[in-house]
Amino acid sequence: MTALRKYSVSLRGHRTSFTLEPEFHAELKAIAEERKLALAALIFEIDTEREEKVNLSSALRLFVLRSLKKSA
Protein backbone atom coordinates (compact mmCIF):
# COMPACT_ATOMS: atom_id res chain seq x y z
CA MET A 1 0.00 0.00 0.00
CA THR A 2 1.24 3.46 -0.89
CA ALA A 3 1.85 6.00 1.83
CA LEU A 4 -0.49 8.95 2.15
CA ARG A 5 0.70 12.34 0.93
CA LYS A 6 -0.50 15.79 1.90
CA TYR A 7 -1.51 18.16 -0.94
CA SER A 8 -2.50 21.83 -0.85
CA VAL A 9 -4.88 23.82 -3.00
CA SER A 10 -6.52 27.25 -2.90
CA LEU A 11 -10.30 27.14 -2.52
CA ARG A 12 -12.40 30.26 -2.15
CA GLY A 13 -9.26 32.35 -1.73
CA HIS A 14 -7.66 30.37 1.08
CA ARG A 15 -5.25 27.47 1.18
CA THR A 16 -6.53 24.12 2.33
CA SER A 17 -4.92 20.72 2.41
CA PHE A 18 -6.06 17.17 1.92
CA THR A 19 -4.39 13.81 2.29
CA LEU A 20 -4.55 11.15 -0.41
CA GLU A 21 -2.66 8.22 -1.79
CA PRO A 22 -0.69 9.34 -4.88
CA GLU A 23 -2.79 6.99 -7.02
CA PHE A 24 -6.00 8.83 -6.10
CA HIS A 25 -4.30 12.16 -6.77
CA ALA A 26 -3.17 10.93 -10.19
CA GLU A 27 -6.74 9.83 -11.03
CA LEU A 28 -8.08 13.24 -9.97
CA LYS A 29 -5.58 14.92 -12.27
CA ALA A 30 -6.57 12.62 -15.13
CA ILE A 31 -10.27 13.36 -14.60
CA ALA A 32 -9.56 17.10 -14.52
CA GLU A 33 -7.59 16.85 -17.78
CA GLU A 34 -10.36 14.79 -19.36
CA ARG A 35 -12.89 17.48 -18.40
CA LYS A 36 -10.50 20.25 -19.51
CA LEU A 37 -10.46 21.72 -16.01
CA ALA A 38 -7.70 22.85 -13.73
CA LEU A 39 -7.26 20.41 -10.86
CA ALA A 40 -8.20 23.17 -8.39
CA ALA A 41 -11.46 23.77 -10.29
CA LEU A 42 -12.39 20.09 -10.08
CA ILE A 43 -11.56 19.99 -6.38
CA PHE A 44 -13.67 23.13 -5.87
CA GLU A 45 -16.64 21.40 -7.55
CA ILE A 46 -16.24 18.32 -5.38
CA ASP A 47 -15.84 20.46 -2.26
CA THR A 48 -19.02 22.46 -2.92
CA GLU A 49 -21.07 19.30 -3.54
CA ARG A 50 -19.88 17.26 -0.57
CA GLU A 51 -21.95 16.77 2.56
CA GLU A 52 -20.78 18.85 5.49
CA LYS A 53 -20.00 15.77 7.60
CA VAL A 54 -17.71 14.28 4.90
CA ASN A 55 -14.14 15.57 4.97
CA LEU A 56 -12.49 16.73 1.75
CA SER A 57 -10.08 13.79 1.48
CA SER A 58 -12.93 11.29 1.73
CA ALA A 59 -15.05 13.26 -0.74
CA LEU A 60 -12.18 13.20 -3.25
CA ARG A 61 -11.71 9.44 -2.90
CA LEU A 62 -15.44 8.80 -3.29
CA PHE A 63 -15.54 11.03 -6.37
CA VAL A 64 -12.71 9.06 -7.98
CA LEU A 65 -14.40 5.77 -7.10
CA ARG A 66 -17.72 6.88 -8.59
CA SER A 67 -15.99 8.19 -11.72
CA LEU A 68 -14.13 4.93 -12.27
CA LYS A 69 -17.29 2.88 -11.70
CA LYS A 70 -19.18 4.99 -14.27
CA SER A 71 -16.47 4.47 -16.88
CA ALA A 72 -16.22 0.71 -16.26
C-alpha atoms as a PDB file:
ATOM      1  CA  MET A   1       0.000   0.000   0.000  1.00  0.00           C
ATOM      2  CA  THR A   2       1.237   3.463  -0.888  1.00  0.00           C
ATOM      3  CA  ALA A   3       1.853   6.003   1.830  1.00  0.00           C
ATOM      4  CA  LEU A   4      -0.491   8.949   2.148  1.00  0.00           C
ATOM      5  CA  ARG A   5       0.700  12.343   0.935  1.00  0.00           C
ATOM      6  CA  LYS A   6      -0.501  15.788   1.895  1.00  0.00           C
ATOM      7  CA  TYR A   7      -1.512  18.155  -0.942  1.00  0.00           C
ATOM      8  CA  SER A   8      -2.496  21.827  -0.852  1.00  0.00           C
ATOM      9  CA  VAL A   9      -4.884  23.823  -3.000  1.00  0.00           C
ATOM     10  CA  SER A  10      -6.520  27.254  -2.899  1.00  0.00           C
ATOM     11  CA  LEU A  11     -10.305  27.140  -2.524  1.00  0.00           C
ATOM     12  CA  ARG A  12     -12.398  30.261  -2.146  1.00  0.00           C
ATOM     13  CA  GLY A  13      -9.262  32.354  -1.732  1.00  0.00           C
ATOM     14  CA  HIS A  14      -7.660  30.370   1.077  1.00  0.00           C
ATOM     15  CA  ARG A  15      -5.255  27.471   1.176  1.00  0.00           C
ATOM     16  CA  THR A  16      -6.527  24.120   2.331  1.00  0.00           C
ATOM     17  CA  SER A  17      -4.923  20.724   2.412  1.00  0.00           C
ATOM     18  CA  PHE A  18      -6.060  17.168   1.920  1.00  0.00           C
ATOM     19  CA  THR A  19      -4.387  13.810   2.292  1.00  0.00           C
ATOM     20  CA  LEU A  20      -4.547  11.150  -0.414  1.00  0.00           C
ATOM     21  CA  GLU A  21      -2.662   8.223  -1.788  1.00  0.00           C
ATOM     22  CA  PRO A  22      -0.687   9.339  -4.876  1.00  0.00           C
ATOM     23  CA  GLU A  23      -2.792   6.989  -7.024  1.00  0.00           C
ATOM     24  CA  PHE A  24      -5.997   8.828  -6.098  1.00  0.00           C
ATOM     25  CA  HIS A  25      -4.301  12.157  -6.770  1.00  0.00           C
ATOM     26  CA  ALA A  26      -3.169  10.930 -10.195  1.00  0.00           C
ATOM     27  CA  GLU A  27      -6.736   9.835 -11.031  1.00  0.00           C
ATOM     28  CA  LEU A  28      -8.082  13.237  -9.968  1.00  0.00           C
ATOM     29  CA  LYS A  29      -5.575  14.924 -12.267  1.00  0.00           C
ATOM     30  CA  ALA A  30      -6.566  12.617 -15.130  1.00  0.00           C
ATOM     31  CA  ILE A  31     -10.274  13.356 -14.598  1.00  0.00           C
ATOM     32  CA  ALA A  32      -9.564  17.100 -14.519  1.00  0.00           C
ATOM     33  CA  GLU A  33      -7.592  16.853 -17.778  1.00  0.00           C
ATOM     34  CA  GLU A  34     -10.359  14.790 -19.363  1.00  0.00           C
ATOM     35  CA  ARG A  35     -12.894  17.480 -18.402  1.00  0.00           C
ATOM     36  CA  LYS A  36     -10.500  20.253 -19.511  1.00  0.00           C
ATOM     37  CA  LEU A  37     -10.460  21.724 -16.008  1.00  0.00           C
ATOM     38  CA  ALA A  38      -7.702  22.849 -13.730  1.00  0.00           C
ATOM     39  CA  LEU A  39      -7.263  20.413 -10.858  1.00  0.00           C
ATOM     40  CA  ALA A  40      -8.195  23.168  -8.388  1.00  0.00           C
ATOM     41  CA  ALA A  41     -11.458  23.775 -10.289  1.00  0.00           C
ATOM     42  CA  LEU A  42     -12.387  20.093 -10.080  1.00  0.00           C
ATOM     43  CA  ILE A  43     -11.561  19.986  -6.378  1.00  0.00           C
ATOM     44  CA  PHE A  44     -13.665  23.125  -5.873  1.00  0.00           C
ATOM     45  CA  GLU A  45     -16.640  21.402  -7.548  1.00  0.00           C
ATOM     46  CA  ILE A  46     -16.240  18.324  -5.375  1.00  0.00           C
ATOM     47  CA  ASP A  47     -15.843  20.464  -2.260  1.00  0.00           C
ATOM     48  CA  THR A  48     -19.018  22.459  -2.923  1.00  0.00           C
ATOM     49  CA  GLU A  49     -21.068  19.299  -3.536  1.00  0.00           C
ATOM     50  CA  ARG A  50     -19.880  17.262  -0.566  1.00  0.00           C
ATOM     51  CA  GLU A  51     -21.948  16.773   2.558  1.00  0.00           C
ATOM     52  CA  GLU A  52     -20.780  18.847   5.486  1.00  0.00           C
ATOM     53  CA  LYS A  53     -19.997  15.767   7.596  1.00  0.00           C
ATOM     54  CA  VAL A  54     -17.706  14.283   4.896  1.00  0.00           C
ATOM     55  CA  ASN A  55     -14.137  15.567   4.969  1.00  0.00           C
ATOM     56  CA  LEU A  56     -12.487  16.733   1.749  1.00  0.00           C
ATOM     57  CA  SER A  57     -10.083  13.789   1.483  1.00  0.00           C
ATOM     58  CA  SER A  58     -12.929  11.291   1.734  1.00  0.00           C
ATOM     59  CA  ALA A  59     -15.050  13.260  -0.743  1.00  0.00           C
ATOM     60  CA  LEU A  60     -12.178  13.201  -3.251  1.00  0.00           C
ATOM     61  CA  ARG A  61     -11.707   9.439  -2.904  1.00  0.00           C
ATOM     62  CA  LEU A  62     -15.438   8.805  -3.285  1.00  0.00           C
ATOM     63  CA  PHE A  63     -15.543  11.035  -6.365  1.00  0.00           C
ATOM     64  CA  VAL A  64     -12.708   9.062  -7.978  1.00  0.00           C
ATOM     65  CA  LEU A  65     -14.396   5.775  -7.098  1.00  0.00           C
ATOM     66  CA  ARG A  66     -17.722   6.885  -8.594  1.00  0.00           C
ATOM     67  CA  SER A  67     -15.988   8.193 -11.724  1.00  0.00           C
ATOM     68  CA  LEU A  68     -14.131   4.929 -12.267  1.00  0.00           C
ATOM     69  CA  LYS A  69     -17.290   2.881 -11.704  1.00  0.00           C
ATOM     70  CA  LYS A  70     -19.176   4.991 -14.270  1.00  0.00           C
ATOM     71  CA  SER A  71     -16.466   4.466 -16.884  1.00  0.00           C
ATOM     72  CA  ALA A  72     -16.221   0.706 -16.264  1.00  0.00           C
END
